[in-house]
């Protein structure tokens, strides 16, 4: 019994899980910084925190595999942390009009896909069906993070890289298109297993 409790504690405080906790904690910090979008120092601070959080997104899964520290807690928290960070940043960028006009559709597509995939994953998990993350989905995540990074920098970044905001919006649309394509993979898996269940019923 003591060994089981000790092992559970070890899993909760493994390095990959600590990185995931850090990504969750980064959400309110980035949001607070973006409450003052006109302050360039806050823009750069938000970008620094967001970049660090984005790096942990790639590191935690990699470290979990090479250190053999994969856990059910990590598998649950990792996508939650990703969705919280992306959703919060998108909402703040819409609020300060970094994302506006037709580009709102790109943000809506990304948010809707996050909700859809969460629901489908929960449904497929009940059927004990695993849908592996494709290479294209990983590229989608990368493009999405880079896009949001450029948009967080926004006007502060214009002084360093002219056209920072436009680059961010272009990449946001690219991420939205990749989001539609990769989201369709989850939809197909969900429909296939739904029809299978209906057929058996």
Protein backbone atom coordinates (compact mmCIF):
# COMPACT_ATOMS: atom_id res chain seq x y z
CA UNK A 1 0.00 0.00 0.00
CA UNK A 2 2.80 2.43 0.98
CA UNK A 3 4.63 1.59 -2.26
CA UNK A 4 1.49 2.34 -4.27
CA UNK A 5 1.03 5.74 -2.59
CA UNK A 6 4.71 6.58 -3.06
CA UNK A 7 4.55 5.65 -6.73
CA UNK A 8 1.45 7.83 -7.18
CA UNK A 9 3.25 10.79 -5.62
CA UNK A 10 6.28 10.17 -7.84
CA UNK A 11 4.06 10.27 -10.92
CA UNK A 12 2.38 13.51 -9.87
CA UNK A 13 5.69 15.24 -9.37
CA UNK A 14 7.59 13.76 -12.29
CA UNK A 15 9.46 16.23 -14.49
CA UNK A 16 7.01 15.96 -17.44
CA UNK A 17 4.04 16.64 -15.14
CA UNK A 18 5.82 19.58 -13.49
CA UNK A 19 6.31 21.09 -16.96
CA UNK A 20 2.59 20.62 -17.65
CA UNK A 21 1.68 22.29 -14.34
CA UNK A 22 3.91 25.18 -15.37
CA UNK A 23 1.99 25.53 -18.64
CA UNK A 24 -1.30 25.73 -16.73
CA UNK A 25 0.15 28.40 -14.43
CA UNK A 26 1.36 30.33 -17.47
CA UNK A 27 -2.25 30.93 -18.59
CA UNK A 28 -3.24 33.54 -15.96
CA UNK A 29 0.21 35.16 -16.19
CA UNK A 30 -0.09 35.70 -19.95
CA UNK A 31 -3.67 36.94 -19.55
CA UNK A 32 -2.65 39.47 -16.89
CA UNK A 33 0.14 40.81 -19.12
CA UNK A 34 -2.24 41.19 -22.06
CA UNK A 35 -4.62 43.31 -19.96
CA UNK A 36 -2.21 46.16 -20.78
CA UNK A 37 -1.65 45.58 -24.53
CA UNK A 38 -0.45 49.15 -25.11
CA UNK A 39 2.48 48.61 -22.73
CA UNK A 40 5.27 47.18 -24.86
CA UNK A 41 7.08 45.78 -21.80
CA UNK A 42 3.96 43.76 -20.94
CA UNK A 43 3.76 42.51 -24.53
CA UNK A 44 7.34 41.24 -24.34
CA UNK A 45 6.73 39.69 -20.91
CA UNK A 46 3.62 37.92 -22.21
CA UNK A 47 5.59 36.67 -25.22
CA UNK A 48 8.38 35.37 -22.99
CA UNK A 49 5.96 33.44 -20.77
CA UNK A 50 4.02 32.14 -23.77
CA UNK A 51 7.22 31.01 -25.53
CA UNK A 52 8.39 29.16 -22.42
CA UNK A 53 4.98 27.49 -22.15
CA UNK A 54 5.11 26.52 -25.84
CA UNK A 55 8.52 24.93 -25.35
CA UNK A 56 7.23 22.86 -22.42
CA UNK A 57 4.43 21.62 -24.69
CA UNK A 58 7.01 19.90 -26.87
CA UNK A 59 9.28 18.89 -24.01
CA UNK A 60 6.88 17.22 -21.60
CA UNK A 61 5.73 14.48 -23.97
CA UNK A 62 9.27 13.86 -25.19
CA UNK A 63 10.66 13.61 -21.65
CA UNK A 64 7.78 11.40 -20.54
CA UNK A 65 8.72 8.91 -23.26
CA UNK A 66 12.50 8.88 -22.84
CA UNK A 67 12.29 8.86 -19.02
CA UNK A 68 9.46 6.29 -19.01
CA UNK A 69 7.38 8.66 -16.88
CA UNK A 70 4.13 8.56 -18.82
CA UNK A 71 1.09 8.73 -16.56
CA UNK A 72 -2.69 8.97 -16.79
CA UNK A 73 -2.51 12.35 -15.02
CA UNK A 74 -0.11 13.67 -17.64
CA UNK A 75 -2.23 12.35 -20.50
CA UNK A 76 -5.26 14.11 -19.01
CA UNK A 77 -3.61 17.43 -18.15
CA UNK A 78 -1.48 17.89 -21.28
CA UNK A 79 -4.31 18.60 -23.76
CA UNK A 80 -6.18 20.62 -21.12
CA UNK A 81 -3.16 22.86 -20.59
CA UNK A 82 -2.78 23.33 -24.35
CA UNK A 83 -6.42 24.26 -24.85
CA UNK A 84 -6.49 26.65 -21.88
CA UNK A 85 -3.41 28.49 -23.12
CA UNK A 86 -4.51 28.76 -26.76
CA UNK A 87 -8.11 29.71 -25.91
CA UNK A 88 -7.12 32.34 -23.34
CA UNK A 89 -4.58 33.96 -25.68
CA UNK A 90 -7.04 33.99 -28.59
CA UNK A 91 -9.70 35.68 -26.44
CA UNK A 92 -7.27 38.33 -25.20
CA UNK A 93 -6.02 39.04 -28.74
CA UNK A 94 -9.59 39.43 -29.95
CA UNK A 95 -10.32 41.75 -27.00
CA UNK A 96 -7.42 44.08 -27.87
CA UNK A 97 -8.28 43.90 -31.61
CA UNK A 98 -5.02 42.22 -32.62
CA UNK A 99 -7.40 39.70 -34.21
CA UNK A 100 -10.31 41.49 -35.85
CA UNK A 101 -12.54 41.60 -38.92
CA UNK A 102 -12.30 38.52 -41.16
CA UNK A 103 -9.48 37.06 -39.06
CA UNK A 104 -12.04 36.43 -36.33
CA UNK A 105 -13.17 33.46 -38.41
CA UNK A 106 -9.74 31.88 -38.11
CA UNK A 107 -9.93 32.24 -34.31
CA UNK A 108 -13.46 30.78 -34.27
CA UNK A 109 -12.37 27.78 -36.36
CA UNK A 110 -9.48 27.07 -33.98
CA UNK A 111 -11.66 27.40 -30.85
CA UNK A 112 -14.45 25.25 -32.30
CA UNK A 113 -11.98 22.56 -33.27
CA UNK A 114 -10.53 22.48 -29.74
CA UNK A 115 -14.02 21.94 -28.27
CA UNK A 116 -14.95 19.37 -30.93
CA UNK A 117 -11.77 17.35 -30.47
CA UNK A 118 -12.17 17.36 -26.68
CA UNK A 119 -15.67 15.93 -27.01
CA UNK A 120 -14.64 13.34 -29.58
CA UNK A 121 -11.65 12.23 -27.52
CA UNK A 122 -13.90 11.72 -24.50
CA UNK A 123 -16.38 9.75 -26.61
CA UNK A 124 -13.68 7.59 -28.21
CA UNK A 125 -11.99 7.02 -24.85
CA UNK A 126 -15.23 5.48 -23.55
CA UNK A 127 -15.07 3.07 -26.50
CA UNK A 128 -11.39 2.44 -25.69
CA UNK A 129 -10.44 3.79 -29.12
CA UNK A 130 -7.19 5.72 -29.45
CA UNK A 131 -6.67 8.25 -32.25
CA UNK A 132 -2.93 8.94 -32.49
CA UNK A 133 -1.74 12.48 -33.13
CA UNK A 134 -0.64 12.75 -36.76
CA UNK A 135 2.52 14.48 -37.94
CA UNK A 136 0.35 17.12 -39.64
CA UNK A 137 -1.48 17.78 -36.36
CA UNK A 138 1.89 18.40 -34.70
CA UNK A 139 2.76 20.87 -37.45
CA UNK A 140 -0.61 22.54 -36.90
CA UNK A 141 0.22 23.00 -33.23
CA UNK A 142 3.64 24.44 -34.09
CA UNK A 143 2.23 26.91 -36.65
CA UNK A 144 -0.51 27.90 -34.20
CA UNK A 145 1.97 28.63 -31.41
CA UNK A 146 4.23 30.66 -33.72
CA UNK A 147 1.21 32.61 -35.03
CA UNK A 148 0.06 33.49 -31.53
CA UNK A 149 3.61 34.45 -30.59
CA UNK A 150 3.78 36.99 -33.43
CA UNK A 151 0.35 38.37 -32.49
CA UNK A 152 1.27 38.66 -28.82
CA UNK A 153 4.33 40.69 -29.81
CA UNK A 154 2.03 42.78 -32.02
CA UNK A 155 2.92 46.49 -32.11
CA UNK A 156 5.93 45.93 -29.84
CA UNK A 157 7.31 43.49 -32.41
CA UNK A 158 6.78 45.93 -35.29
CA UNK A 159 9.80 47.91 -34.10
CA UNK A 160 11.95 44.79 -34.48
CA UNK A 161 10.29 42.98 -37.40
CA UNK A 162 8.07 45.21 -39.57
CA UNK A 163 4.81 43.45 -40.43
CA UNK A 164 4.84 41.34 -37.25
CA UNK A 165 1.06 41.46 -36.88
CA UNK A 166 0.45 40.61 -40.55
CA UNK A 167 2.82 37.65 -40.31
CA UNK A 168 0.92 36.49 -37.23
CA UNK A 169 -2.45 36.79 -38.99
CA UNK A 170 -1.19 34.92 -42.05
CA UNK A 171 0.09 32.08 -39.85
CA UNK A 172 -3.17 32.11 -37.88
CA UNK A 173 -5.11 31.48 -41.11
CA UNK A 174 -2.67 28.73 -42.05
CA UNK A 175 -3.17 27.16 -38.61
CA UNK A 176 -6.96 27.43 -39.08
CA UNK A 177 -6.78 25.60 -42.42
CA UNK A 178 -4.61 22.87 -40.90
CA UNK A 179 -7.06 22.77 -37.99
CA UNK A 180 -9.95 22.03 -40.36
CA UNK A 181 -8.01 19.28 -42.11
CA UNK A 182 -6.74 17.56 -38.96
CA UNK A 183 -10.09 18.02 -37.19
CA UNK A 184 -11.71 16.04 -40.00
CA UNK A 185 -9.59 13.03 -39.03
CA UNK A 186 -11.17 13.05 -35.57
CA UNK A 187 -14.63 13.54 -37.08
CA UNK A 188 -14.17 10.53 -39.36
CA UNK A 189 -13.03 8.37 -36.45
CA UNK A 190 -15.99 9.54 -34.36
CA UNK A 191 -18.54 8.93 -37.12
CA UNK A 192 -17.05 5.55 -37.95
CA UNK A 193 -17.32 4.28 -34.39
CA UNK A 194 -20.73 5.91 -33.90
CA UNK A 195 -22.07 4.06 -36.95
CA UNK A 196 -20.43 0.87 -35.69
CA UNK A 197 -22.17 1.24 -32.33
CA UNK A 198 -25.51 1.95 -34.05
CA UNK A 199 -25.08 -1.12 -36.25
CA UNK A 200 -24.43 -3.33 -33.26
CA UNK A 201 -27.44 -1.86 -31.47
